[in-house]
Amino acid sequence: MRSTHFVFAVAMALGVVSAGPVFAQQAPEAAATCVACHGEKGAAPIMPAYPVLAGQHATYLEHSLHAYKEGARKNGIMAGIVAGLSDADMRALALYFAAQEGPLYEPRMP
C-alpha cells in the first residue's frame, strides 16, 4: 500500500495525474491502442494469450513497456506500439491500467 501511495505522489509531482478519482477513470490517449487487444480498461483481453492489464502493479506495467521498447522483451506487435511512446506516456498508461479493477487478485493465506 505504501508503494502505491509513493507512485501516485511521484506521478502527481510530475504532472502525470491529478488528485482524486478522476485519475482512475480518465484514460490516456494512448490507451485506445491498448484496449484493442487487452479489452476495455485492460480487463478483458480479446485472446487468452494476451495479458490482463487492469489491476497489475504500475511499476510492473511501466517496466514491461520499457522492456518492449528497448528490445529486452520480444514481441513484434508490442515493439511497434511502444516505439512512439514517451517515458511520460508509459508512466501514464501504467498508472491508468493499475488503477482499473480487473479479474486479478492476490491469494491470501489463512
Protein backbone atom coordinates (compact mmCIF):
# COMPACT_ATOMS: atom_id res chain seq x y z
CA MET A 1 0.00 0.00 0.00
CA ARG A 2 2.86 2.37 0.79
CA SER A 3 4.42 1.85 -2.64
CA THR A 4 1.10 2.70 -4.31
CA HIS A 5 0.97 5.97 -2.40
CA PHE A 6 4.57 6.70 -3.36
CA VAL A 7 3.96 6.02 -7.06
CA PHE A 8 0.86 8.21 -7.02
CA ALA A 9 2.73 11.02 -5.21
CA VAL A 10 5.55 10.89 -7.76
CA ALA A 11 3.06 10.86 -10.62
CA MET A 12 1.30 13.88 -9.17
CA ALA A 13 4.61 15.72 -8.76
CA LEU A 14 5.49 15.01 -12.38
CA GLY A 15 2.06 16.16 -13.52
CA VAL A 16 1.14 12.77 -14.94
CA VAL A 17 -2.05 12.52 -12.89
CA SER A 18 -4.21 14.79 -10.81
CA ALA A 19 -5.56 14.10 -7.35
CA GLY A 20 -8.93 12.49 -6.93
CA PRO A 21 -10.93 9.68 -8.50
CA VAL A 22 -10.72 11.23 -11.98
CA PHE A 23 -7.24 9.70 -12.25
CA ALA A 24 -8.60 6.16 -12.31
CA GLN A 25 -11.30 6.93 -14.84
CA GLN A 26 -9.64 9.08 -17.49
CA ALA A 27 -7.68 7.01 -19.94
CA PRO A 28 -4.55 8.46 -21.51
CA GLU A 29 -4.92 8.97 -25.26
CA ALA A 30 -2.53 6.08 -25.96
CA ALA A 31 -4.82 3.66 -24.09
CA ALA A 32 -7.11 3.50 -27.13
CA THR A 33 -4.48 1.36 -28.84
CA CYS A 34 -4.08 -0.90 -25.79
CA VAL A 35 -7.77 -1.71 -25.39
CA ALA A 36 -7.98 -3.01 -28.95
CA CYS A 37 -6.20 -6.17 -27.74
CA HIS A 38 -6.33 -6.01 -23.94
CA GLY A 39 -10.01 -5.12 -23.74
CA GLU A 40 -11.97 -2.29 -22.18
CA LYS A 41 -9.91 -0.79 -19.33
CA GLY A 42 -7.41 -3.62 -19.87
CA ALA A 43 -9.62 -6.14 -18.07
CA ALA A 44 -10.82 -8.43 -20.85
CA PRO A 45 -8.22 -9.36 -23.49
CA ILE A 46 -9.58 -10.46 -26.86
CA MET A 47 -7.39 -13.60 -26.84
CA PRO A 48 -6.38 -15.81 -23.90
CA ALA A 49 -2.68 -15.30 -24.68
CA TYR A 50 -2.95 -11.53 -24.16
CA PRO A 51 -2.39 -10.43 -20.56
CA VAL A 52 -4.85 -8.62 -18.34
CA LEU A 53 -3.54 -5.11 -17.64
CA ALA A 54 -6.22 -3.95 -15.20
CA GLY A 55 -5.06 -4.16 -11.61
CA GLN A 56 -1.44 -5.04 -12.39
CA HIS A 57 1.20 -3.17 -10.40
CA ALA A 58 2.06 0.13 -12.09
CA THR A 59 5.80 -0.45 -11.75
CA TYR A 60 5.48 -3.83 -13.46
CA LEU A 61 3.47 -2.37 -16.33
CA GLU A 62 5.84 0.55 -16.82
CA HIS A 63 8.89 -1.71 -16.67
CA SER A 64 7.31 -4.05 -19.23
CA LEU A 65 6.61 -1.19 -21.65
CA HIS A 66 10.22 -0.01 -21.37
CA ALA A 67 11.45 -3.57 -21.91
CA TYR A 68 9.44 -3.86 -25.14
CA LYS A 69 10.77 -0.50 -26.33
CA GLU A 70 14.38 -1.42 -25.53
CA GLY A 71 14.08 -4.90 -27.05
CA ALA A 72 14.63 -6.76 -23.77
CA ARG A 73 11.16 -8.28 -24.22
CA LYS A 74 10.50 -9.63 -27.69
CA ASN A 75 7.11 -9.08 -29.29
CA GLY A 76 6.79 -7.53 -32.72
CA ILE A 77 3.34 -6.08 -32.08
CA MET A 78 4.26 -4.51 -28.76
CA ALA A 79 7.60 -3.23 -30.06
CA GLY A 80 5.80 -1.34 -32.80
CA ILE A 81 3.23 0.08 -30.41
CA VAL A 82 5.66 1.33 -27.77
CA ALA A 83 8.14 2.75 -30.28
CA GLY A 84 6.25 6.04 -30.36
CA LEU A 85 5.58 6.30 -26.62
CA SER A 86 7.50 8.69 -24.40
CA ASP A 87 8.52 7.87 -20.83
CA ALA A 88 5.62 10.04 -19.62
CA ASP A 89 3.19 8.14 -21.89
CA MET A 90 4.36 4.80 -20.50
CA ARG A 91 4.09 6.07 -16.93
CA ALA A 92 0.56 7.41 -17.54
CA LEU A 93 -0.56 4.14 -19.13
CA ALA A 94 0.90 2.10 -16.28
CA LEU A 95 -0.82 4.23 -13.64
CA TYR A 96 -4.11 4.17 -15.52
CA PHE A 97 -4.25 0.40 -16.00
CA ALA A 98 -3.01 -0.26 -12.45
CA ALA A 99 -5.94 1.79 -11.13
CA GLN A 100 -8.55 -0.24 -13.04
CA GLU A 101 -10.50 -3.01 -11.41
CA GLY A 102 -9.80 -6.32 -13.04
CA PRO A 103 -10.02 -10.06 -12.51
CA LEU A 104 -6.57 -10.30 -10.89
CA TYR A 105 -6.27 -10.97 -7.19
CA GLU A 106 -3.66 -11.77 -4.59
CA PRO A 107 -4.30 -15.05 -2.80
CA ARG A 108 -4.42 -14.67 0.98
CA MET A 109 -3.01 -17.28 3.30
CA PRO A 110 -5.39 -18.27 6.11
